[in-house]
Amino acid sequence: MEPITPQDVQRVLEALKDRDLHLHLEMTTGAYASHLDSAKFTASTFMTNAIVRYTRGTIAGSGPYRVGLKTTNNGWVYSEGLTHWEYDAGGERLLLAGHDAEGKLVVGLQLGREPF
């Protein structure tokens, strides 16, 4: 994965809008963090292969970045803390990830025409 270049990610978001896409979304503060330190708060979210269609996709911020997708049914998908990205044009898969200072995955947002 490469560090995010906002203008490149925005171009991909524009290219993928108004289509049915598989969404993978996850976030964790470290599922096992509280095992090592009981004072640490643990939180996580995981959703995979939900079908979404968005009418507007935007990347914002100065790094780490945030991405918002306005869905066709008036909802929103939002992810913040994104630092890296990869795009597979052949498979039309956009992978966005946020890594902490130690390089560990904290947040992931993926969109693709095929299931993950």
C-alpha atoms as a PDB file:
ATOM      1  CA  MET A   1       0.000   0.000   0.000  1.00  0.00           C
ATOM      2  CA  GLU A   2       1.073   3.562  -0.685  1.00  0.00           C
ATOM      3  CA  PRO A   3       0.546   6.708   1.397  1.00  0.00           C
ATOM      4  CA  ILE A   4      -2.724   8.355   0.384  1.00  0.00           C
ATOM      5  CA  THR A   5      -2.640  10.891  -2.452  1.00  0.00           C
ATOM      6  CA  PRO A   6      -6.030  12.610  -1.999  1.00  0.00           C
ATOM      7  CA  GLN A   7      -6.512  13.656  -5.628  1.00  0.00           C
ATOM      8  CA  ASP A   8      -5.880  10.096  -6.850  1.00  0.00           C
ATOM      9  CA  VAL A   9      -8.261   8.581  -4.303  1.00  0.00           C
ATOM     10  CA  GLN A  10     -10.882  11.184  -5.266  1.00  0.00           C
ATOM     11  CA  ARG A  11     -10.595  10.175  -8.929  1.00  0.00           C
ATOM     12  CA  VAL A  12     -11.233   6.532  -8.002  1.00  0.00           C
ATOM     13  CA  LEU A  13     -14.182   7.464  -5.775  1.00  0.00           C
ATOM     14  CA  GLU A  14     -15.708   9.346  -8.719  1.00  0.00           C
ATOM     15  CA  ALA A  15     -15.139   6.395 -11.061  1.00  0.00           C
ATOM     16  CA  LEU A  16     -16.861   3.937  -8.692  1.00  0.00           C
ATOM     17  CA  LYS A  17     -19.929   5.995  -7.777  1.00  0.00           C
ATOM     18  CA  ASP A  18     -23.466   5.102  -8.879  1.00  0.00           C
ATOM     19  CA  ARG A  19     -22.693   1.362  -8.947  1.00  0.00           C
ATOM     20  CA  ASP A  20     -23.499  -1.544  -6.666  1.00  0.00           C
ATOM     21  CA  LEU A  21     -20.306  -2.277  -4.734  1.00  0.00           C
ATOM     22  CA  HIS A  22     -19.275  -4.604  -1.956  1.00  0.00           C
ATOM     23  CA  LEU A  23     -18.228  -2.698   1.146  1.00  0.00           C
ATOM     24  CA  HIS A  24     -15.813  -3.934   3.779  1.00  0.00           C
ATOM     25  CA  LEU A  25     -15.456  -1.659   6.817  1.00  0.00           C
ATOM     26  CA  GLU A  26     -13.525  -2.332   9.989  1.00  0.00           C
ATOM     27  CA  MET A  27     -12.126  -0.399  12.907  1.00  0.00           C
ATOM     28  CA  THR A  28     -10.311  -1.507  16.037  1.00  0.00           C
ATOM     29  CA  THR A  29      -8.478   0.147  18.892  1.00  0.00           C
ATOM     30  CA  GLY A  30      -6.761  -3.188  19.368  1.00  0.00           C
ATOM     31  CA  ALA A  31      -8.994  -6.123  20.102  1.00  0.00           C
ATOM     32  CA  TYR A  32      -6.510  -7.509  22.623  1.00  0.00           C
ATOM     33  CA  ALA A  33      -5.252  -4.216  24.034  1.00  0.00           C
ATOM     34  CA  SER A  34      -7.093  -4.651  27.325  1.00  0.00           C
ATOM     35  CA  HIS A  35      -5.439  -8.062  27.851  1.00  0.00           C
ATOM     36  CA  LEU A  36      -2.085  -6.318  28.139  1.00  0.00           C
ATOM     37  CA  ASP A  37      -3.339  -3.236  29.988  1.00  0.00           C
ATOM     38  CA  SER A  38      -6.738  -3.272  31.707  1.00  0.00           C
ATOM     39  CA  ALA A  39      -6.850   0.545  31.584  1.00  0.00           C
ATOM     40  CA  LYS A  40      -7.026   0.473  27.768  1.00  0.00           C
ATOM     41  CA  PHE A  41     -10.450   0.862  26.209  1.00  0.00           C
ATOM     42  CA  THR A  42     -11.180  -1.671  23.478  1.00  0.00           C
ATOM     43  CA  ALA A  43     -13.579  -0.937  20.619  1.00  0.00           C
ATOM     44  CA  SER A  44     -14.057  -2.493  17.210  1.00  0.00           C
ATOM     45  CA  THR A  45     -16.407  -2.604  14.232  1.00  0.00           C
ATOM     46  CA  PHE A  46     -16.494  -5.114  11.406  1.00  0.00           C
ATOM     47  CA  MET A  47     -18.799  -5.324   8.392  1.00  0.00           C
ATOM     48  CA  THR A  48     -18.057  -7.160   5.193  1.00  0.00           C
ATOM     49  CA  ASN A  49     -19.679  -7.551   1.774  1.00  0.00           C
ATOM     50  CA  ALA A  50     -22.598  -5.211   2.369  1.00  0.00           C
ATOM     51  CA  ILE A  51     -23.862  -3.924  -0.975  1.00  0.00           C
ATOM     52  CA  VAL A  52     -23.785  -0.138  -1.231  1.00  0.00           C
ATOM     53  CA  ARG A  53     -24.329   2.395  -3.968  1.00  0.00           C
ATOM     54  CA  TYR A  54     -23.211   5.953  -3.387  1.00  0.00           C
ATOM     55  CA  THR A  55     -23.994   9.163  -5.236  1.00  0.00           C
ATOM     56  CA  ARG A  56     -21.177  11.200  -3.746  1.00  0.00           C
ATOM     57  CA  GLY A  57     -17.796  10.086  -2.439  1.00  0.00           C
ATOM     58  CA  THR A  58     -15.362  12.539  -0.902  1.00  0.00           C
ATOM     59  CA  ILE A  59     -11.925  12.355   0.674  1.00  0.00           C
ATOM     60  CA  ALA A  60     -11.011  15.201   3.025  1.00  0.00           C
ATOM     61  CA  GLY A  61      -8.417  16.222   5.572  1.00  0.00           C
ATOM     62  CA  SER A  62      -4.697  16.779   5.535  1.00  0.00           C
ATOM     63  CA  GLY A  63      -3.705  13.331   6.771  1.00  0.00           C
ATOM     64  CA  PRO A  64      -4.819  11.130   8.269  1.00  0.00           C
ATOM     65  CA  TYR A  65      -7.770  11.412   5.893  1.00  0.00           C
ATOM     66  CA  ARG A  66     -11.489  10.775   6.092  1.00  0.00           C
ATOM     67  CA  VAL A  67     -13.813   9.426   3.418  1.00  0.00           C
ATOM     68  CA  GLY A  68     -17.558   9.923   3.287  1.00  0.00           C
ATOM     69  CA  LEU A  69     -19.930   8.119   0.926  1.00  0.00           C
ATOM     70  CA  LYS A  70     -23.475   9.457   0.534  1.00  0.00           C
ATOM     71  CA  THR A  71     -25.571   6.412  -0.258  1.00  0.00           C
ATOM     72  CA  THR A  72     -28.521   6.422  -2.648  1.00  0.00           C
ATOM     73  CA  ASN A  73     -30.941   5.730   0.215  1.00  0.00           C
ATOM     74  CA  ASN A  74     -29.974   8.984   1.998  1.00  0.00           C
ATOM     75  CA  GLY A  75     -27.531   7.296   4.370  1.00  0.00           C
ATOM     76  CA  TRP A  76     -23.831   7.784   4.882  1.00  0.00           C
ATOM     77  CA  VAL A  77     -20.752   5.622   5.250  1.00  0.00           C
ATOM     78  CA  TYR A  78     -17.906   7.457   6.958  1.00  0.00           C
ATOM     79  CA  SER A  79     -14.375   6.428   7.861  1.00  0.00           C
ATOM     80  CA  GLU A  80     -11.655   8.496   9.485  1.00  0.00           C
ATOM     81  CA  GLY A  81      -7.969   7.926  10.209  1.00  0.00           C
ATOM     82  CA  LEU A  82      -7.019   6.680   6.735  1.00  0.00           C
ATOM     83  CA  THR A  83      -3.331   6.804   5.824  1.00  0.00           C
ATOM     84  CA  HIS A  84      -2.693   4.345   2.959  1.00  0.00           C
ATOM     85  CA  TRP A  85      -4.383   3.140  -0.181  1.00  0.00           C
ATOM     86  CA  GLU A  86      -4.223   0.763  -3.103  1.00  0.00           C
ATOM     87  CA  TYR A  87      -6.342   0.485  -6.228  1.00  0.00           C
ATOM     88  CA  ASP A  88      -6.661  -2.628  -8.358  1.00  0.00           C
ATOM     89  CA  ALA A  89      -8.052  -1.255 -11.617  1.00  0.00           C
ATOM     90  CA  GLY A  90      -8.520  -4.714 -13.148  1.00  0.00           C
ATOM     91  CA  GLY A  91     -10.648  -5.902 -10.259  1.00  0.00           C
ATOM     92  CA  GLU A  92     -12.004  -2.426  -9.525  1.00  0.00           C
ATOM     93  CA  ARG A  93     -11.100  -2.680  -5.834  1.00  0.00           C
ATOM     94  CA  LEU A  94     -10.282   0.370  -3.754  1.00  0.00           C
ATOM     95  CA  LEU A  95      -8.506  -0.444  -0.489  1.00  0.00           C
ATOM     96  CA  LEU A  96      -8.075   2.287   2.115  1.00  0.00           C
ATOM     97  CA  ALA A  97      -6.395   1.688   5.466  1.00  0.00           C
ATOM     98  CA  GLY A  98      -5.315   3.632   8.505  1.00  0.00           C
ATOM     99  CA  HIS A  99      -2.207   2.527  10.373  1.00  0.00           C
ATOM    100  CA  ASP A 100      -1.102   3.750  13.789  1.00  0.00           C
ATOM    101  CA  ALA A 101       2.416   4.941  14.685  1.00  0.00           C
ATOM    102  CA  GLU A 102       3.483   1.313  15.153  1.00  0.00           C
ATOM    103  CA  GLY A 103       2.181   0.345  11.692  1.00  0.00           C
ATOM    104  CA  LYS A 104      -0.785  -1.623  13.028  1.00  0.00           C
ATOM    105  CA  LEU A 105      -4.097  -1.526  11.179  1.00  0.00           C
ATOM    106  CA  VAL A 106      -6.649   0.650  12.984  1.00  0.00           C
ATOM    107  CA  VAL A 107      -9.244   1.255  10.269  1.00  0.00           C
ATOM    108  CA  GLY A 108     -10.050  -0.202   6.852  1.00  0.00           C
ATOM    109  CA  LEU A 109     -12.536   0.819   4.158  1.00  0.00           C
ATOM    110  CA  GLN A 110     -12.695  -1.259   0.997  1.00  0.00           C
ATOM    111  CA  LEU A 111     -14.957  -1.048  -2.039  1.00  0.00           C
ATOM    112  CA  GLY A 112     -15.083  -3.505  -4.904  1.00  0.00           C
ATOM    113  CA  ARG A 113     -17.294  -5.046  -7.545  1.00  0.00           C
ATOM    114  CA  GLU A 114     -16.577  -8.556  -6.203  1.00  0.00           C
ATOM    115  CA  PRO A 115     -16.970  -9.794  -2.617  1.00  0.00           C
ATOM    116  CA  PHE A 116     -14.015  -9.566  -0.245  1.00  0.00           C
END
